[in-house]
Amino acid sequence: MDTTQLLKGVLDLAVLAVLRDEDGYGYDILRRLREAGLDEVGDASVYGTLRRLFAAGLLTTYVVPSEAGPHRKYYALNAAGRDQLTRSGKLWRSFATTMDALLDDRGLAA
């Protein structure tokens, strides 16, 4: 199965989840996603997702000066983003439970 197709469907949720407990700048968010196991996520995909989530009103941004290089634009969940994370998380869990049941019924579950 092509994991890049799966990533396209869940990247918004993954980014919101990464920002749940701690704000982050683009590369930091990418690093955290990869450390969580999403090794195949691309730089451009994450930056595009951040722009889209911000435009949708789910994130706020602020700039922090950096001593080593350019200023960093940080992203943070706002109330709408937290609500979306809750809704999308429930939907994902329901979907995953359904898929687990389908796979288990056919002897394919891990």
N, C-alpha and C. Protein backbone atom coordinates (compact mmCIF):
# COMPACT_ATOMS: atom_id res chain seq x y z
N MET A 1 0.85 -1.19 0.00
CA MET A 1 0.00 0.00 0.00
C MET A 1 0.89 1.24 0.00
N ASP A 2 0.49 2.23 -0.75
CA ASP A 2 1.24 3.48 -0.86
C ASP A 2 0.93 4.39 0.32
N THR A 3 1.88 4.56 1.22
CA THR A 3 1.64 5.37 2.42
C THR A 3 1.48 6.85 2.10
N THR A 4 2.00 7.31 0.96
CA THR A 4 1.83 8.73 0.63
C THR A 4 0.36 9.07 0.42
N GLN A 5 -0.42 8.15 -0.10
CA GLN A 5 -1.85 8.39 -0.25
C GLN A 5 -2.55 8.45 1.10
N LEU A 6 -2.14 7.58 2.02
CA LEU A 6 -2.71 7.63 3.37
C LEU A 6 -2.35 8.95 4.06
N LEU A 7 -1.11 9.39 3.88
CA LEU A 7 -0.68 10.65 4.49
C LEU A 7 -1.51 11.83 4.03
N LYS A 8 -1.85 11.86 2.74
CA LYS A 8 -2.65 12.98 2.21
C LYS A 8 -3.97 13.10 2.95
N GLY A 9 -4.53 11.96 3.32
CA GLY A 9 -5.82 11.99 3.99
C GLY A 9 -5.78 12.35 5.47
N VAL A 10 -4.62 12.21 6.08
CA VAL A 10 -4.55 12.43 7.53
C VAL A 10 -3.54 13.49 7.95
N LEU A 11 -2.90 14.16 7.00
CA LEU A 11 -1.85 15.11 7.37
C LEU A 11 -2.41 16.29 8.17
N ASP A 12 -3.59 16.79 7.81
CA ASP A 12 -4.18 17.88 8.60
C ASP A 12 -4.33 17.46 10.06
N LEU A 13 -4.89 16.28 10.27
CA LEU A 13 -5.08 15.77 11.63
C LEU A 13 -3.75 15.59 12.34
N ALA A 14 -2.76 15.06 11.65
CA ALA A 14 -1.44 14.83 12.26
C ALA A 14 -0.80 16.16 12.69
N VAL A 15 -0.90 17.17 11.84
CA VAL A 15 -0.31 18.48 12.17
C VAL A 15 -1.04 19.09 13.37
N LEU A 16 -2.36 19.03 13.36
CA LEU A 16 -3.11 19.56 14.50
C LEU A 16 -2.72 18.82 15.79
N ALA A 17 -2.55 17.51 15.70
CA ALA A 17 -2.19 16.72 16.89
C ALA A 17 -0.80 17.10 17.40
N VAL A 18 0.14 17.32 16.48
CA VAL A 18 1.50 17.70 16.88
C VAL A 18 1.49 19.05 17.60
N LEU A 19 0.59 19.93 17.20
CA LEU A 19 0.53 21.27 17.81
C LEU A 19 -0.36 21.33 19.05
N ARG A 20 -0.97 20.22 19.42
CA ARG A 20 -1.89 20.21 20.56
C ARG A 20 -1.23 20.69 21.84
N ASP A 21 -0.02 20.21 22.12
CA ASP A 21 0.62 20.52 23.40
C ASP A 21 1.73 21.55 23.32
N GLU A 22 2.21 21.82 22.11
CA GLU A 22 3.33 22.74 21.98
C GLU A 22 3.33 23.40 20.61
N ASP A 23 3.45 24.72 20.59
CA ASP A 23 3.57 25.46 19.33
C ASP A 23 4.84 25.02 18.61
N GLY A 24 4.91 25.30 17.33
CA GLY A 24 6.12 24.93 16.59
C GLY A 24 6.26 25.71 15.30
N TYR A 25 7.49 25.77 14.78
CA TYR A 25 7.75 26.38 13.48
C TYR A 25 7.84 25.24 12.46
N GLY A 26 7.82 25.58 11.19
CA GLY A 26 7.71 24.60 10.13
C GLY A 26 8.61 23.39 10.25
N TYR A 27 9.93 23.61 10.32
CA TYR A 27 10.85 22.48 10.37
C TYR A 27 10.67 21.68 11.65
N ASP A 28 10.38 22.35 12.75
CA ASP A 28 10.15 21.66 14.02
C ASP A 28 8.94 20.73 13.93
N ILE A 29 7.89 21.20 13.30
CA ILE A 29 6.68 20.38 13.13
C ILE A 29 6.99 19.17 12.24
N LEU A 30 7.72 19.40 11.17
CA LEU A 30 8.14 18.30 10.29
C LEU A 30 8.96 17.27 11.07
N ARG A 31 9.90 17.73 11.86
CA ARG A 31 10.74 16.84 12.66
C ARG A 31 9.90 16.02 13.63
N ARG A 32 8.95 16.66 14.30
CA ARG A 32 8.10 15.97 15.26
C ARG A 32 7.21 14.92 14.59
N LEU A 33 6.72 15.23 13.40
CA LEU A 33 5.93 14.25 12.65
C LEU A 33 6.77 13.03 12.30
N ARG A 34 7.99 13.29 11.84
CA ARG A 34 8.88 12.19 11.47
C ARG A 34 9.28 11.37 12.69
N GLU A 35 9.54 12.03 13.80
CA GLU A 35 9.89 11.31 15.03
C GLU A 35 8.73 10.45 15.52
N ALA A 36 7.51 10.88 15.21
CA ALA A 36 6.32 10.11 15.61
C ALA A 36 6.09 8.90 14.70
N GLY A 37 6.85 8.81 13.61
CA GLY A 37 6.73 7.65 12.73
C GLY A 37 6.26 7.95 11.32
N LEU A 38 5.96 9.21 11.04
CA LEU A 38 5.54 9.58 9.68
C LEU A 38 6.78 9.97 8.87
N ASP A 39 7.65 8.99 8.66
CA ASP A 39 8.93 9.21 8.01
C ASP A 39 8.83 9.74 6.58
N GLU A 40 7.76 9.39 5.90
CA GLU A 40 7.66 9.74 4.48
C GLU A 40 7.00 11.09 4.21
N VAL A 41 6.64 11.81 5.26
CA VAL A 41 6.01 13.11 5.05
C VAL A 41 7.03 14.07 4.46
N GLY A 42 6.61 14.81 3.44
CA GLY A 42 7.51 15.72 2.75
C GLY A 42 7.45 17.14 3.29
N ASP A 43 8.55 17.85 3.12
CA ASP A 43 8.63 19.25 3.56
C ASP A 43 7.51 20.08 2.96
N ALA A 44 7.36 20.02 1.65
CA ALA A 44 6.37 20.85 0.96
C ALA A 44 4.96 20.53 1.43
N SER A 45 4.69 19.27 1.71
CA SER A 45 3.36 18.89 2.19
C SER A 45 3.05 19.53 3.53
N VAL A 46 4.03 19.53 4.42
CA VAL A 46 3.81 20.11 5.75
C VAL A 46 3.63 21.62 5.66
N TYR A 47 4.48 22.28 4.90
CA TYR A 47 4.35 23.74 4.78
C TYR A 47 3.04 24.12 4.11
N GLY A 48 2.62 23.37 3.11
CA GLY A 48 1.33 23.62 2.47
C GLY A 48 0.17 23.41 3.41
N THR A 49 0.27 22.37 4.23
CA THR A 49 -0.77 22.09 5.22
C THR A 49 -0.85 23.20 6.26
N LEU A 50 0.30 23.68 6.71
CA LEU A 50 0.30 24.79 7.68
C LEU A 50 -0.37 26.03 7.10
N ARG A 51 -0.04 26.35 5.86
CA ARG A 51 -0.67 27.52 5.21
C ARG A 51 -2.18 27.33 5.09
N ARG A 52 -2.60 26.14 4.69
CA ARG A 52 -4.03 25.86 4.52
C ARG A 52 -4.77 25.92 5.85
N LEU A 53 -4.19 25.32 6.90
CA LEU A 53 -4.84 25.34 8.21
C LEU A 53 -4.92 26.76 8.77
N PHE A 54 -3.88 27.56 8.52
CA PHE A 54 -3.91 28.96 8.94
C PHE A 54 -5.00 29.72 8.19
N ALA A 55 -5.06 29.53 6.88
CA ALA A 55 -6.07 30.22 6.06
C ALA A 55 -7.49 29.81 6.47
N ALA A 56 -7.65 28.59 6.95
CA ALA A 56 -8.95 28.11 7.38
C ALA A 56 -9.33 28.60 8.77
N GLY A 57 -8.41 29.34 9.42
CA GLY A 57 -8.70 29.90 10.74
C GLY A 57 -8.49 28.93 11.89
N LEU A 58 -7.72 27.86 11.65
CA LEU A 58 -7.50 26.85 12.69
C LEU A 58 -6.20 27.06 13.47
N LEU A 59 -5.33 27.91 12.94
CA LEU A 59 -4.04 28.19 13.57
C LEU A 59 -3.81 29.68 13.67
N THR A 60 -3.05 30.07 14.65
CA THR A 60 -2.53 31.44 14.72
C THR A 60 -1.02 31.36 14.51
N THR A 61 -0.41 32.48 14.19
CA THR A 61 1.04 32.51 13.99
C THR A 61 1.64 33.68 14.76
N TYR A 62 2.90 33.53 15.06
CA TYR A 62 3.68 34.63 15.63
C TYR A 62 5.13 34.40 15.25
N VAL A 63 5.90 35.47 15.23
CA VAL A 63 7.30 35.41 14.81
C VAL A 63 8.21 35.53 16.02
N VAL A 64 9.23 34.68 16.05
CA VAL A 64 10.22 34.70 17.13
C VAL A 64 11.59 34.94 16.51
N PRO A 65 12.30 35.98 16.96
CA PRO A 65 13.65 36.22 16.44
C PRO A 65 14.56 35.04 16.73
N SER A 66 15.45 34.77 15.81
CA SER A 66 16.41 33.68 15.99
C SER A 66 17.82 34.26 16.03
N GLU A 67 18.62 33.75 16.94
CA GLU A 67 20.01 34.22 17.04
C GLU A 67 20.87 33.63 15.93
N ALA A 68 20.44 32.51 15.39
CA ALA A 68 21.21 31.84 14.34
C ALA A 68 20.35 31.70 13.09
N GLY A 69 20.27 32.75 12.30
CA GLY A 69 19.50 32.68 11.06
C GLY A 69 18.26 33.55 11.08
N PRO A 70 17.39 33.30 10.14
CA PRO A 70 16.19 34.15 10.00
C PRO A 70 15.20 33.92 11.15
N HIS A 71 14.29 34.86 11.32
CA HIS A 71 13.24 34.73 12.32
C HIS A 71 12.40 33.50 12.00
N ARG A 72 11.79 32.93 13.03
CA ARG A 72 10.98 31.73 12.84
C ARG A 72 9.51 32.06 13.04
N LYS A 73 8.69 31.59 12.12
CA LYS A 73 7.25 31.75 12.22
C LYS A 73 6.69 30.54 12.95
N TYR A 74 6.14 30.77 14.12
CA TYR A 74 5.56 29.71 14.92
C TYR A 74 4.07 29.59 14.65
N TYR A 75 3.58 28.37 14.72
CA TYR A 75 2.16 28.08 14.55
C TYR A 75 1.61 27.55 15.86
N ALA A 76 0.38 27.95 16.18
CA ALA A 76 -0.27 27.52 17.41
C ALA A 76 -1.73 27.20 17.12
N LEU A 77 -2.26 26.20 17.81
CA LEU A 77 -3.69 25.91 17.71
C LEU A 77 -4.47 27.02 18.39
N ASN A 78 -5.56 27.43 17.79
CA ASN A 78 -6.49 28.33 18.46
C ASN A 78 -7.73 27.52 18.83
N ALA A 79 -8.76 28.15 19.34
CA ALA A 79 -9.96 27.42 19.78
C ALA A 79 -10.59 26.63 18.64
N ALA A 80 -10.67 27.24 17.47
CA ALA A 80 -11.25 26.55 16.31
C ALA A 80 -10.40 25.34 15.92
N GLY A 81 -9.09 25.47 16.02
CA GLY A 81 -8.19 24.36 15.71
C GLY A 81 -8.34 23.21 16.70
N ARG A 82 -8.51 23.56 17.98
CA ARG A 82 -8.72 22.52 18.99
C ARG A 82 -10.05 21.80 18.76
N ASP A 83 -11.08 22.56 18.40
CA ASP A 83 -12.37 21.94 18.09
C ASP A 83 -12.25 21.00 16.89
N GLN A 84 -11.54 21.44 15.87
CA GLN A 84 -11.35 20.62 14.68
C GLN A 84 -10.55 19.36 15.02
N LEU A 85 -9.54 19.50 15.85
CA LEU A 85 -8.75 18.35 16.28
C LEU A 85 -9.65 17.33 16.99
N THR A 86 -10.50 17.79 17.86
CA THR A 86 -11.42 16.89 18.58
C THR A 86 -12.35 16.18 17.61
N ARG A 87 -12.97 16.93 16.69
CA ARG A 87 -13.89 16.33 15.72
C ARG A 87 -13.18 15.34 14.81
N SER A 88 -12.05 15.76 14.27
CA SER A 88 -11.31 14.89 13.35
C SER A 88 -10.75 13.67 14.06
N GLY A 89 -10.32 13.84 15.30
CA GLY A 89 -9.82 12.71 16.07
C GLY A 89 -10.89 11.66 16.30
N LYS A 90 -12.11 12.09 16.62
CA LYS A 90 -13.22 11.15 16.81
C LYS A 90 -13.53 10.42 15.50
N LEU A 91 -13.54 11.15 14.41
CA LEU A 91 -13.81 10.55 13.09
C LEU A 91 -12.73 9.53 12.75
N TRP A 92 -11.46 9.89 12.98
CA TRP A 92 -10.36 8.98 12.69
C TRP A 92 -10.47 7.70 13.53
N ARG A 93 -10.75 7.86 14.82
CA ARG A 93 -10.84 6.68 15.69
C ARG A 93 -11.98 5.75 15.24
N SER A 94 -13.09 6.32 14.83
CA SER A 94 -14.21 5.53 14.34
C SER A 94 -13.81 4.78 13.06
N PHE A 95 -13.17 5.49 12.15
CA PHE A 95 -12.71 4.89 10.90
C PHE A 95 -11.70 3.78 11.17
N ALA A 96 -10.73 4.04 12.04
CA ALA A 96 -9.70 3.05 12.36
C ALA A 96 -10.32 1.82 13.01
N THR A 97 -11.31 2.01 13.87
CA THR A 97 -11.99 0.88 14.51
C THR A 97 -12.70 0.03 13.46
N THR A 98 -13.35 0.68 12.52
CA THR A 98 -14.02 -0.04 11.43
C THR A 98 -13.03 -0.84 10.61
N MET A 99 -11.90 -0.20 10.25
CA MET A 99 -10.89 -0.90 9.45
C MET A 99 -10.29 -2.06 10.23
N ASP A 100 -10.02 -1.86 11.53
CA ASP A 100 -9.50 -2.95 12.36
C ASP A 100 -10.47 -4.12 12.38
N ALA A 101 -11.76 -3.83 12.51
CA ALA A 101 -12.76 -4.90 12.53
C ALA A 101 -12.81 -5.63 11.18
N LEU A 102 -12.75 -4.88 10.10
CA LEU A 102 -12.76 -5.51 8.78
C LEU A 102 -11.55 -6.42 8.59
N LEU A 103 -10.39 -5.92 8.97
CA LEU A 103 -9.17 -6.71 8.81
C LEU A 103 -9.16 -7.91 9.75
N ASP A 104 -9.62 -7.72 10.97
CA ASP A 104 -9.64 -8.81 11.95
C ASP A 104 -10.61 -9.91 11.50
N ASP A 105 -11.75 -9.51 10.96
CA ASP A 105 -12.74 -10.49 10.49
C ASP A 105 -12.19 -11.38 9.39
N ARG A 106 -11.18 -10.90 8.70
CA ARG A 106 -10.60 -11.65 7.59
C ARG A 106 -9.22 -12.22 7.95
N GLY A 107 -8.91 -12.16 9.25
CA GLY A 107 -7.63 -12.71 9.70
C GLY A 107 -6.42 -11.90 9.27
N LEU A 108 -6.63 -10.60 8.99
CA LEU A 108 -5.54 -9.76 8.48
C LEU A 108 -5.00 -8.80 9.51
N ALA A 109 -5.59 -8.72 10.68
CA ALA A 109 -5.13 -7.76 11.69
C ALA A 109 -3.74 -8.18 12.19
N ALA A 110 -3.02 -7.19 12.66
CA ALA A 110 -1.64 -7.44 13.16
C ALA A 110 -1.64 -8.28 14.41
